Amino acid sequence: MGSLENKSSKFLNFENWDIIRSLLRDHYSFKPPSSLSRTPQNPNTNPIKKKSKPKYRPPSSLDAPKKLRSDLPFDFRYSYTESSPTVRPIGLREPKYSPFGPGRLDREWTGVCAPAVDPKARSVEEGAEDPKLEEKRRLMREKIQGAPLTNAERKALVEKCHRSRTKRQIQLGRDGLTHNMLNDIHNNWKHTEAVRFKCMGVPTVDMKNVCTQLEDKTFGKIIFRHCGTLVLYRGRNYNPKKRPVIPLMMWRPHEPVYPRLIKTTIDGLSIEETKEMRKRGLAVPALTKLAKNGYYGSLVPMVRDAFIVSELVKIDCKGLERSDYKKIGCKLRDMVPCVLVTFEKEQIVVWRGKDYKPPENDACFVLQREMFDSPESDSEECSVEGHDSTDESTSQQGFNSGDDDE
C-alpha cells in the first residue's frame, strides 16, 4: 500500500491521465466520470452558433430612402393660415427644395406647397386644388366627429381645459397654424379629448380663418372660443391608433417673392397726390398702438368705424417686426377693405378710397366670445370658465387669467 500511495502522489499532478485511470481500475475498480476524461463520452454534435453582427456601414446620401405616403386630402403648406392658395407668387428666392427632406415624401414640393391632387406637380400652376378634396375632408370630419356633443358634455370638456385644471396648451404664434403643429395636436389628443389653444400676434386679425383652418386640417371641432383662446375637440369616433400619417417638415422653406404691397402711385392718384397723402397719413393721430404678440381681433371693426369720420387711418406698430405689420396691413387691405398708403416709421397708414362703402354682411368678423349652446338651453349658461358671459371685462379674468405673464 505504501508503494501505491507513493505512486498515486507522484502522478496526482494530472499530467498522465492514462496511468491514473489504470491505477483506479486495477485497485479500486473505479470508472472515472466523463468530466475527468480527455474526450467526453456524449459530446454535443450540433453546437449553437451565434450569429455574427453585421459590419457597421456608415449612412450614405446615395441610399434611396423609403418614400412616406400620406392620404391627407389637402396640400401640405408651411402655414395654413398665413399663406393663401389663391395668391400666386411671382418668383422664388432660392432654388426649390423639399422641407421634408430629399426623397422622403411621395409629393413634389412646388416652392409653396406639396399638392395632393397631382403628387408629381413641379410648379405652382400645376398644383391647383381639386374641388373633390373639400368634399372628402368634410366626409372624413363627419365620420370622426359622430353625434354632436350635448351642452353638458361640452361644458365638462371645457372645464377640463381650464387653466386651473391643466397646463396642456398649444401656442399659435406669428406663423399661424403650421404643418408641424398638426402633429402636436394629435399627440395631445392621445391623452385628452380636447386641447386648449392660445392664439397671439398676426393670425388673430382674422380669427375666422384660424378657426376654419383648424377644423379643416385636423377634422376636429371648436367647442369654445373667447378672444384668442380656443378649445378644439377631437370627436367621438377618434381613434389615436389610427391617426393620420403626418410627415414632419425638417426645416422652414424660404418665402417666395410676392407682388409689392405699396405701389409708387396709388391707383387713381398722381405722384404729387400720393406724396401728399402719405405726409397727411403720418401726421394724423394713431388710432391704436399694437402690442407685441397681442390679440388683434378688434382691429378690423375699429378701422371700419374710423373710416366713417376720417379717410386716413394710422396704426402705431412700434416694437413689432417689419414682416409682422406688413402681414397685418395685407389682412386689413382684404378684410376692411382699404388701400395701403405707407409702412414708414413703423406705422400702417391706410386710405378708405374714393368710393368707400362699409360691407353690410361681414363673413370674416366673429364675436369676441362665441356661444356653442343650443337656444333652448340659454338659461343653463353658467360660469363654466369661472366668469359670467354677459360681462366682457369679467370674462377676461376667467379663462385668460395670467396670459400676460407668459
Protein backbone atom coordinates (compact mmCIF):
# COMPACT_ATOMS: atom_id res chain seq x y z
CA MET A 1 0.00 0.00 0.00
CA GLY A 2 2.87 2.28 0.75
CA SER A 3 4.24 1.87 -2.74
CA LEU A 4 0.76 2.55 -4.17
CA GLU A 5 0.44 5.74 -2.19
CA ASN A 6 3.83 6.90 -3.39
CA LYS A 7 2.86 6.18 -7.00
CA SER A 8 -0.53 7.95 -6.58
CA SER A 9 1.08 11.03 -5.04
CA LYS A 10 3.62 11.03 -7.81
CA PHE A 11 1.01 11.19 -10.56
CA LEU A 12 -1.57 13.47 -8.88
CA ASN A 13 -0.30 16.39 -10.82
CA PHE A 14 -2.76 15.34 -13.63
CA GLU A 15 -0.04 15.18 -16.23
CA ASN A 16 -0.52 11.48 -17.14
CA TRP A 17 -4.22 10.57 -17.27
CA ASP A 18 -3.69 7.04 -18.65
CA ILE A 19 -1.65 5.89 -15.62
CA ILE A 20 -4.20 7.38 -13.19
CA ARG A 21 -7.11 5.58 -14.89
CA SER A 22 -5.24 2.22 -14.87
CA LEU A 23 -4.43 2.54 -11.15
CA LEU A 24 -8.04 3.32 -10.26
CA ARG A 25 -9.37 0.46 -12.40
CA ASP A 26 -6.88 -2.13 -11.06
CA HIS A 27 -7.04 -1.33 -7.36
CA TYR A 28 -10.47 0.19 -6.80
CA SER A 29 -12.50 -0.98 -9.81
CA PHE A 30 -13.44 2.70 -10.29
CA LYS A 31 -14.59 4.16 -13.61
CA PRO A 32 -13.73 7.83 -13.82
CA PRO A 33 -16.53 10.26 -14.75
CA SER A 34 -16.60 11.87 -18.13
CA SER A 35 -15.57 15.18 -16.66
CA LEU A 36 -12.16 13.71 -15.80
CA SER A 37 -11.57 12.15 -19.19
CA ARG A 38 -9.91 13.86 -22.07
CA THR A 39 -12.69 13.10 -24.51
CA PRO A 40 -16.26 13.40 -23.16
CA GLN A 41 -18.50 10.35 -23.66
CA ASN A 42 -21.50 12.28 -25.01
CA PRO A 43 -20.12 15.27 -26.91
CA ASN A 44 -22.53 17.80 -28.33
CA THR A 45 -22.50 17.13 -32.05
CA ASN A 46 -24.52 20.26 -33.01
CA PRO A 47 -23.21 23.28 -31.10
CA ILE A 48 -25.26 26.51 -31.28
CA LYS A 49 -23.52 29.06 -33.44
CA LYS A 50 -24.04 32.70 -32.55
CA LYS A 51 -24.97 34.95 -35.39
CA SER A 52 -22.25 37.42 -36.11
CA LYS A 53 -23.24 41.09 -36.05
CA PRO A 54 -23.25 42.83 -39.40
CA LYS A 55 -20.38 45.16 -40.00
CA TYR A 56 -21.01 48.84 -39.41
CA ARG A 57 -21.90 50.67 -42.60
CA PRO A 58 -21.97 54.46 -42.41
CA PRO A 59 -25.08 56.15 -43.87
CA SER A 60 -24.73 57.38 -47.39
CA SER A 61 -26.61 60.03 -49.31
CA LEU A 62 -26.70 57.64 -52.26
CA ASP A 63 -29.06 55.29 -50.42
CA ALA A 64 -32.60 55.93 -51.60
CA PRO A 65 -34.86 56.32 -48.52
CA LYS A 66 -38.32 54.81 -48.49
CA LYS A 67 -40.82 57.47 -49.53
CA LEU A 68 -43.52 58.25 -46.98
CA ARG A 69 -47.11 58.29 -48.20
CA SER A 70 -49.84 60.38 -46.61
CA ASP A 71 -53.51 60.22 -47.63
CA LEU A 72 -54.47 63.57 -46.06
CA PRO A 73 -56.77 65.30 -48.58
CA PHE A 74 -55.13 68.73 -48.65
CA ASP A 75 -51.96 70.39 -49.91
CA PHE A 76 -49.07 70.48 -47.45
CA ARG A 77 -48.01 74.05 -46.68
CA TYR A 78 -45.71 75.53 -44.09
CA SER A 79 -48.54 77.72 -42.73
CA TYR A 80 -52.22 77.17 -43.47
CA THR A 81 -53.45 80.49 -42.06
CA GLU A 82 -50.75 82.93 -43.25
CA SER A 83 -50.46 81.63 -46.82
CA SER A 84 -53.38 81.67 -49.20
CA PRO A 85 -53.62 79.21 -52.13
CA THR A 86 -55.33 81.93 -54.20
CA VAL A 87 -52.29 84.26 -54.10
CA ARG A 88 -49.66 83.18 -56.60
CA PRO A 89 -46.03 84.24 -56.09
CA ILE A 90 -44.08 85.91 -58.88
CA GLY A 91 -40.84 84.04 -58.15
CA LEU A 92 -38.72 82.09 -55.68
CA ARG A 93 -35.84 83.49 -53.62
CA GLU A 94 -33.89 80.24 -53.57
CA PRO A 95 -33.87 77.05 -55.65
CA LYS A 96 -36.85 75.00 -54.56
CA TYR A 97 -36.16 72.05 -52.29
CA SER A 98 -38.50 69.96 -50.20
CA PRO A 99 -38.62 70.90 -46.50
CA PHE A 100 -39.49 67.26 -45.78
CA GLY A 101 -36.04 66.16 -46.92
CA PRO A 102 -34.82 64.89 -50.28
CA GLY A 103 -36.82 61.89 -51.46
CA ARG A 104 -38.71 61.42 -48.19
CA LEU A 105 -42.23 62.21 -49.43
CA ASP A 106 -44.18 60.97 -52.44
CA ARG A 107 -45.26 64.55 -53.23
CA GLU A 108 -43.16 67.08 -55.12
CA TRP A 109 -42.51 70.44 -53.48
CA THR A 110 -43.50 73.28 -55.82
CA GLY A 111 -41.76 76.01 -53.81
CA VAL A 112 -45.01 76.90 -51.99
CA CYS A 113 -46.76 73.61 -51.22
CA ALA A 114 -46.80 69.87 -51.80
CA PRO A 115 -50.05 69.30 -53.76
CA ALA A 116 -52.31 66.36 -53.01
CA VAL A 117 -54.07 66.19 -56.38
CA ASP A 118 -51.03 65.61 -58.56
CA PRO A 119 -48.16 64.38 -56.35
CA LYS A 120 -45.71 64.90 -59.22
CA ALA A 121 -46.62 68.55 -59.83
CA ARG A 122 -43.45 70.62 -60.01
CA SER A 123 -44.83 74.15 -60.40
CA VAL A 124 -47.36 76.29 -58.56
CA GLU A 125 -49.70 76.42 -61.55
CA GLU A 126 -49.89 72.64 -61.77
CA GLY A 127 -50.71 72.25 -58.08
CA ALA A 128 -54.25 73.64 -58.21
CA GLU A 129 -56.56 72.18 -55.57
CA ASP A 130 -59.27 69.79 -56.70
CA PRO A 131 -62.82 70.67 -55.53
CA LYS A 132 -63.31 66.99 -54.64
CA LEU A 133 -60.78 67.30 -51.82
CA GLU A 134 -63.04 69.63 -49.86
CA GLU A 135 -65.87 67.11 -50.04
CA LYS A 136 -63.50 64.33 -48.98
CA ARG A 137 -62.37 66.36 -45.95
CA ARG A 138 -65.98 67.03 -44.99
CA LEU A 139 -66.88 63.34 -45.10
CA MET A 140 -63.82 62.37 -43.05
CA ARG A 141 -64.62 65.03 -40.47
CA GLU A 142 -68.25 63.90 -40.14
CA LYS A 143 -67.13 60.30 -39.72
CA ILE A 144 -64.70 61.19 -36.93
CA GLN A 145 -66.97 63.65 -35.13
CA GLY A 146 -70.01 61.40 -34.89
CA ALA A 147 -73.05 62.66 -32.99
CA PRO A 148 -72.83 66.29 -31.77
CA LEU A 149 -71.99 66.99 -28.16
CA THR A 150 -74.66 67.89 -25.67
CA ASN A 151 -74.36 71.08 -23.64
CA ALA A 152 -73.39 69.14 -20.52
CA GLU A 153 -70.63 67.23 -22.36
CA ARG A 154 -69.31 70.39 -23.94
CA LYS A 155 -69.17 72.22 -20.61
CA ALA A 156 -67.41 69.26 -18.97
CA LEU A 157 -64.73 69.22 -21.68
CA VAL A 158 -64.21 72.97 -21.49
CA GLU A 159 -63.92 72.76 -17.71
CA LYS A 160 -61.16 70.13 -18.07
CA CYS A 161 -59.22 72.54 -20.31
CA HIS A 162 -59.37 75.34 -17.74
CA ARG A 163 -56.02 76.86 -16.77
CA SER A 164 -56.51 75.75 -13.18
CA ARG A 165 -57.06 72.12 -14.28
CA THR A 166 -54.33 71.51 -16.85
CA LYS A 167 -51.20 73.11 -18.26
CA ARG A 168 -51.63 71.36 -21.61
CA GLN A 169 -51.74 74.15 -24.19
CA ILE A 170 -50.62 74.78 -27.78
CA GLN A 171 -49.28 78.23 -28.66
CA LEU A 172 -50.34 79.56 -32.06
CA GLY A 173 -47.99 82.46 -32.80
CA ARG A 174 -46.89 84.69 -35.64
CA ASP A 175 -46.64 81.86 -38.19
CA GLY A 176 -50.21 80.74 -37.53
CA LEU A 177 -51.26 77.13 -37.95
CA THR A 178 -48.07 75.48 -39.21
CA HIS A 179 -47.80 71.99 -40.69
CA ASN A 180 -45.78 70.51 -37.80
CA MET A 181 -48.39 71.83 -35.37
CA LEU A 182 -50.81 69.22 -36.75
CA ASN A 183 -48.58 66.53 -35.28
CA ASP A 184 -48.57 68.31 -31.90
CA ILE A 185 -52.37 68.39 -31.91
CA HIS A 186 -52.65 64.64 -32.48
CA ASN A 187 -50.01 63.99 -29.82
CA ASN A 188 -52.15 65.90 -27.32
CA TRP A 189 -55.29 64.08 -28.45
CA LYS A 190 -53.70 60.78 -27.40
CA HIS A 191 -54.07 61.83 -23.75
CA THR A 192 -57.11 64.10 -23.74
CA GLU A 193 -60.27 64.61 -25.79
CA ALA A 194 -59.85 68.37 -26.12
CA VAL A 195 -56.83 70.66 -26.20
CA ARG A 196 -56.54 74.37 -25.45
CA PHE A 197 -55.08 76.86 -27.94
CA LYS A 198 -53.65 80.30 -27.21
CA CYS A 199 -53.57 82.45 -30.36
CA MET A 200 -51.33 85.52 -30.40
CA GLY A 201 -49.97 88.00 -32.90
CA VAL A 202 -50.74 88.40 -36.60
CA PRO A 203 -53.18 85.47 -37.06
CA THR A 204 -55.62 86.95 -34.54
CA VAL A 205 -56.56 89.70 -37.02
CA ASP A 206 -58.61 87.07 -38.87
CA MET A 207 -59.80 84.64 -36.19
CA LYS A 208 -62.48 83.32 -38.54
CA ASN A 209 -59.77 81.94 -40.80
CA VAL A 210 -57.89 80.43 -37.84
CA CYS A 211 -60.99 78.56 -36.66
CA THR A 212 -61.84 77.40 -40.18
CA GLN A 213 -58.35 76.09 -40.90
CA LEU A 214 -58.10 74.32 -37.54
CA GLU A 215 -61.31 72.40 -38.14
CA ASP A 216 -60.50 71.75 -41.80
CA LYS A 217 -56.96 70.40 -41.33
CA THR A 218 -57.40 68.47 -38.06
CA PHE A 219 -61.01 67.19 -38.62
CA GLY A 220 -61.80 68.41 -35.09
CA LYS A 221 -64.40 70.85 -33.79
CA ILE A 222 -64.01 74.07 -31.83
CA ILE A 223 -66.29 73.92 -28.78
CA PHE A 224 -65.19 77.12 -27.05
CA ARG A 225 -63.75 80.46 -28.14
CA HIS A 226 -63.01 83.56 -26.13
CA CYS A 227 -60.79 86.18 -27.77
CA GLY A 228 -57.62 84.29 -28.68
CA THR A 229 -58.34 81.20 -26.58
CA LEU A 230 -59.81 78.15 -28.30
CA VAL A 231 -60.73 74.61 -27.25
CA LEU A 232 -60.50 72.03 -30.02
CA TYR A 233 -62.40 68.74 -29.59
CA ARG A 234 -61.14 65.60 -31.36
CA GLY A 235 -64.51 63.85 -31.97
CA ARG A 236 -66.43 60.87 -30.63
CA ASN A 237 -65.06 58.34 -33.13
CA TYR A 238 -61.44 59.46 -32.98
CA ASN A 239 -59.00 56.57 -32.59
CA PRO A 240 -55.44 57.58 -31.58
CA LYS A 241 -54.07 54.32 -33.01
CA LYS A 242 -55.46 55.21 -36.44
CA ARG A 243 -54.21 58.78 -36.51
CA PRO A 244 -53.32 60.08 -39.98
CA VAL A 245 -49.75 59.97 -41.27
CA ILE A 246 -48.30 63.49 -40.96
CA PRO A 247 -44.80 63.84 -42.42
CA LEU A 248 -42.81 66.44 -40.49
CA MET A 249 -41.02 69.36 -42.12
CA MET A 250 -37.35 69.22 -41.22
CA TRP A 251 -36.74 72.91 -41.86
CA ARG A 252 -38.63 76.04 -42.81
CA PRO A 253 -38.87 76.72 -46.55
CA HIS A 254 -37.88 80.08 -47.99
CA GLU A 255 -40.62 82.64 -48.52
CA PRO A 256 -41.46 83.13 -52.21
CA VAL A 257 -41.49 86.56 -53.84
CA TYR A 258 -44.93 88.20 -53.90
CA PRO A 259 -46.00 91.47 -55.59
CA ARG A 260 -45.23 94.69 -53.74
CA LEU A 261 -47.85 95.85 -51.27
CA ILE A 262 -47.01 99.59 -51.53
CA LYS A 263 -47.09 100.93 -55.05
CA THR A 264 -45.24 104.03 -56.23
CA THR A 265 -48.52 105.74 -57.03
CA ILE A 266 -51.91 104.86 -55.67
CA ASP A 267 -54.45 103.86 -58.30
CA GLY A 268 -56.46 106.90 -59.37
CA LEU A 269 -53.98 109.45 -57.92
CA SER A 270 -51.00 111.26 -59.33
CA ILE A 271 -47.49 111.17 -57.90
CA GLU A 272 -47.94 114.55 -56.12
CA GLU A 273 -51.27 113.49 -54.63
CA THR A 274 -49.75 110.21 -53.42
CA LYS A 275 -46.86 112.02 -51.71
CA GLU A 276 -49.25 114.49 -50.08
CA MET A 277 -51.49 111.69 -48.82
CA ARG A 278 -48.53 109.90 -47.24
CA LYS A 279 -47.49 113.06 -45.42
CA ARG A 280 -51.03 113.63 -44.12
CA GLY A 281 -51.33 109.97 -43.12
CA LEU A 282 -48.19 110.08 -40.99
CA ALA A 283 -49.40 113.32 -39.35
CA VAL A 284 -52.85 112.11 -38.22
CA PRO A 285 -53.20 110.74 -34.65
CA ALA A 286 -52.75 107.00 -34.28
CA LEU A 287 -55.95 105.03 -33.97
CA THR A 288 -54.35 102.44 -31.68
CA LYS A 289 -50.95 101.02 -30.73
CA LEU A 290 -50.46 97.32 -31.30
CA ALA A 291 -48.72 95.35 -28.56
CA LYS A 292 -46.19 92.71 -29.49
CA ASN A 293 -47.78 89.22 -29.55
CA GLY A 294 -51.13 90.72 -28.58
CA TYR A 295 -54.69 89.99 -29.61
CA TYR A 296 -55.79 91.99 -32.69
CA GLY A 297 -59.28 90.60 -33.18
CA SER A 298 -60.95 94.00 -32.82
CA LEU A 299 -58.64 95.82 -35.26
CA VAL A 300 -60.81 95.40 -38.36
CA PRO A 301 -64.03 96.84 -36.83
CA MET A 302 -62.00 99.71 -35.32
CA VAL A 303 -60.65 100.67 -38.74
CA ARG A 304 -64.12 100.42 -40.29
CA ASP A 305 -65.59 102.68 -37.63
CA ALA A 306 -62.72 105.17 -38.05
CA PHE A 307 -63.38 105.41 -41.80
CA ILE A 308 -66.82 106.86 -41.06
CA VAL A 309 -65.25 110.12 -39.85
CA SER A 310 -61.80 110.08 -41.48
CA GLU A 311 -60.45 108.94 -44.83
CA LEU A 312 -56.98 108.17 -43.45
CA VAL A 313 -56.21 105.88 -40.51
CA LYS A 314 -52.81 105.34 -38.87
CA ILE A 315 -51.92 102.37 -36.67
CA ASP A 316 -48.83 102.52 -34.46
CA CYS A 317 -46.71 99.35 -34.78
CA LYS A 318 -43.55 100.33 -32.89
CA GLY A 319 -41.81 97.29 -31.44
CA LEU A 320 -43.26 94.85 -33.98
CA GLU A 321 -41.24 93.04 -36.64
CA ARG A 322 -41.47 94.60 -40.08
CA SER A 323 -42.74 91.35 -41.56
CA ASP A 324 -45.49 91.28 -38.91
CA TYR A 325 -47.03 94.66 -39.62
CA LYS A 326 -46.72 94.03 -43.35
CA LYS A 327 -48.87 90.93 -42.88
CA ILE A 328 -51.32 92.95 -40.76
CA GLY A 329 -51.56 95.60 -43.48
CA CYS A 330 -52.21 92.92 -46.09
CA LYS A 331 -55.03 91.48 -43.98
CA LEU A 332 -56.56 94.94 -43.47
CA ARG A 333 -56.46 95.57 -47.22
CA ASP A 334 -58.51 92.43 -47.88
CA MET A 335 -60.85 92.47 -44.87
CA VAL A 336 -61.78 96.15 -44.39
CA PRO A 337 -61.27 96.72 -47.46
CA CYS A 338 -58.89 99.67 -47.86
CA VAL A 339 -55.84 100.95 -49.76
CA LEU A 340 -52.35 100.69 -48.23
CA VAL A 341 -50.55 104.03 -48.26
CA THR A 342 -47.24 103.51 -46.41
CA PHE A 343 -45.34 101.45 -43.81
CA GLU A 344 -42.81 104.17 -42.96
CA LYS A 345 -41.69 104.92 -39.37
CA GLU A 346 -43.22 101.62 -38.15
CA GLN A 347 -46.73 102.90 -38.95
CA ILE A 348 -49.54 101.40 -41.00
CA VAL A 349 -51.38 104.11 -42.94
CA VAL A 350 -54.48 103.07 -44.88
CA TRP A 351 -56.88 105.05 -47.07
CA ARG A 352 -60.54 104.23 -47.44
CA GLY A 353 -60.64 105.11 -51.15
CA LYS A 354 -62.82 107.41 -53.17
CA ASP A 355 -65.96 105.26 -53.27
CA TYR A 356 -65.80 103.60 -49.87
CA LYS A 357 -68.84 101.64 -48.74
CA PRO A 358 -68.72 99.66 -45.48
CA PRO A 359 -69.66 95.99 -46.03
CA GLU A 360 -73.12 95.13 -44.79
CA ASN A 361 -72.72 91.39 -44.30
CA ASP A 362 -69.34 90.63 -42.79
CA ALA A 363 -68.48 86.95 -43.09
CA CYS A 364 -64.92 87.38 -41.76
CA PHE A 365 -65.54 89.06 -38.43
CA VAL A 366 -66.55 86.93 -35.43
CA LEU A 367 -67.63 87.92 -31.96
CA GLN A 368 -65.22 88.13 -29.05
CA ARG A 369 -66.93 85.17 -27.43
CA GLU A 370 -68.99 82.59 -29.29
CA MET A 371 -71.92 80.71 -27.80
CA PHE A 372 -71.95 77.00 -28.64
CA ASP A 373 -75.05 76.09 -26.62
CA SER A 374 -78.38 75.38 -28.22
CA PRO A 375 -81.00 78.19 -27.95
CA GLU A 376 -83.32 76.18 -25.72
CA SER A 377 -80.67 75.92 -23.01
CA ASP A 378 -79.67 79.59 -22.76
CA SER A 379 -80.91 79.65 -19.18
CA GLU A 380 -78.38 76.94 -18.31
CA GLU A 381 -75.42 79.05 -19.46
CA CYS A 382 -73.29 79.39 -16.38
CA SER A 383 -69.78 80.40 -15.47
CA VAL A 384 -68.14 77.31 -16.95
CA GLU A 385 -64.80 79.09 -17.13
CA GLY A 386 -65.29 80.94 -13.90
CA HIS A 387 -66.86 84.09 -15.37
CA ASP A 388 -70.20 85.48 -16.50
CA SER A 389 -70.78 85.57 -20.24
CA THR A 390 -72.61 88.91 -20.04
CA ASP A 391 -69.70 90.85 -18.55
CA GLU A 392 -66.84 91.18 -21.02
CA SER A 393 -64.40 92.71 -18.53
CA THR A 394 -65.02 89.95 -16.02
CA SER A 395 -64.82 87.28 -18.72
CA GLN A 396 -61.19 88.05 -19.45
CA GLN A 397 -60.26 87.14 -15.87
CA GLY A 398 -61.53 83.55 -16.14
CA PHE A 399 -60.06 81.55 -18.98
CA ASN A 400 -57.25 84.00 -19.86
CA SER A 401 -56.07 84.93 -16.37
CA GLY A 402 -52.33 85.18 -16.25
CA ASP A 403 -51.82 85.15 -20.03
CA ASP A 404 -49.75 88.33 -19.95
CA ASP A 405 -47.29 86.72 -17.58
CA GLU A 406 -46.29 84.01 -20.04
